[in-house]
Amino acid sequence: MAEETDVPITKDDLVRKGPNLHPYYEVVWIDGEEVWLRNANTRESHVCLLSECTKIELQPIL
């Protein structure tokens, strides 16, 4: 299960874009308002605006 947070996004965080929870992206690099993301499933990468991303925290399954 994943939970959205308001914690600042940093390198190696998992984020999502838009209203959908999937796909997850790994933050590779941040430069000001630009962020380089890598899809956690396909490993494809792209650059987008940091404001388009929402950090997610993975919660352990009990």
Protein backbone atom coordinates (compact mmCIF):
# COMPACT_ATOMS: atom_id res chain seq x y z
CA MET A 1 0.00 0.00 0.00
CA ALA A 2 1.26 3.50 -0.79
CA GLU A 3 0.53 6.80 0.90
CA GLU A 4 0.90 10.35 -0.43
CA THR A 5 2.99 12.77 1.61
CA ASP A 6 3.78 16.50 1.60
CA VAL A 7 7.44 15.83 2.40
CA PRO A 8 9.92 17.45 -0.04
CA ILE A 9 11.02 15.25 -2.93
CA THR A 10 14.69 14.20 -2.99
CA LYS A 11 16.93 11.92 -5.07
CA ASP A 12 15.98 8.20 -4.94
CA ASP A 13 12.40 8.93 -3.77
CA LEU A 14 9.44 7.20 -5.38
CA VAL A 15 6.93 9.60 -6.94
CA ARG A 16 3.85 9.56 -9.13
CA LYS A 17 2.60 12.02 -11.73
CA GLY A 18 -1.00 13.15 -12.04
CA PRO A 19 -4.00 11.65 -10.23
CA ASN A 20 -3.11 7.97 -10.77
CA LEU A 21 -1.08 5.98 -8.26
CA HIS A 22 0.74 4.01 -10.97
CA PRO A 23 3.24 4.02 -12.54
CA TYR A 24 5.83 4.74 -9.88
CA TYR A 25 8.90 6.74 -10.85
CA GLU A 26 12.29 6.84 -9.15
CA VAL A 27 13.87 10.29 -8.84
CA VAL A 28 17.30 10.16 -10.48
CA TRP A 29 18.25 13.84 -10.45
CA ILE A 30 16.80 17.22 -9.40
CA ASP A 31 17.91 20.62 -10.70
CA GLY A 32 15.73 23.48 -9.49
CA GLU A 33 12.25 22.81 -10.88
CA GLU A 34 13.33 20.06 -13.27
CA VAL A 35 13.45 16.41 -12.24
CA TRP A 36 14.74 13.35 -14.10
CA LEU A 37 12.49 10.36 -13.48
CA ARG A 38 12.95 6.66 -14.22
CA ASN A 39 9.89 4.40 -14.49
CA ALA A 40 10.25 1.77 -11.76
CA ASN A 41 8.83 -0.98 -14.02
CA THR A 42 10.09 -0.26 -17.53
CA ARG A 43 13.28 1.68 -16.58
CA GLU A 44 12.44 4.32 -19.23
CA SER A 45 13.39 7.82 -18.16
CA HIS A 46 12.37 11.40 -18.88
CA VAL A 47 12.62 14.94 -17.52
CA CYS A 48 9.59 16.82 -16.19
CA LEU A 49 8.71 19.59 -13.74
CA LEU A 50 9.05 18.90 -10.03
CA SER A 51 5.62 20.46 -9.47
CA GLU A 52 4.05 17.60 -11.50
CA CYS A 53 5.32 14.99 -9.00
CA THR A 54 3.89 13.74 -5.71
CA LYS A 55 6.09 11.78 -3.32
CA ILE A 56 4.75 8.41 -2.19
CA GLU A 57 5.77 6.34 0.81
CA LEU A 58 5.45 2.58 0.65
CA GLN A 59 3.85 1.09 3.73
CA PRO A 60 4.62 -2.48 4.83
CA ILE A 61 1.89 -5.06 4.29
CA LEU A 62 0.81 -6.49 7.61
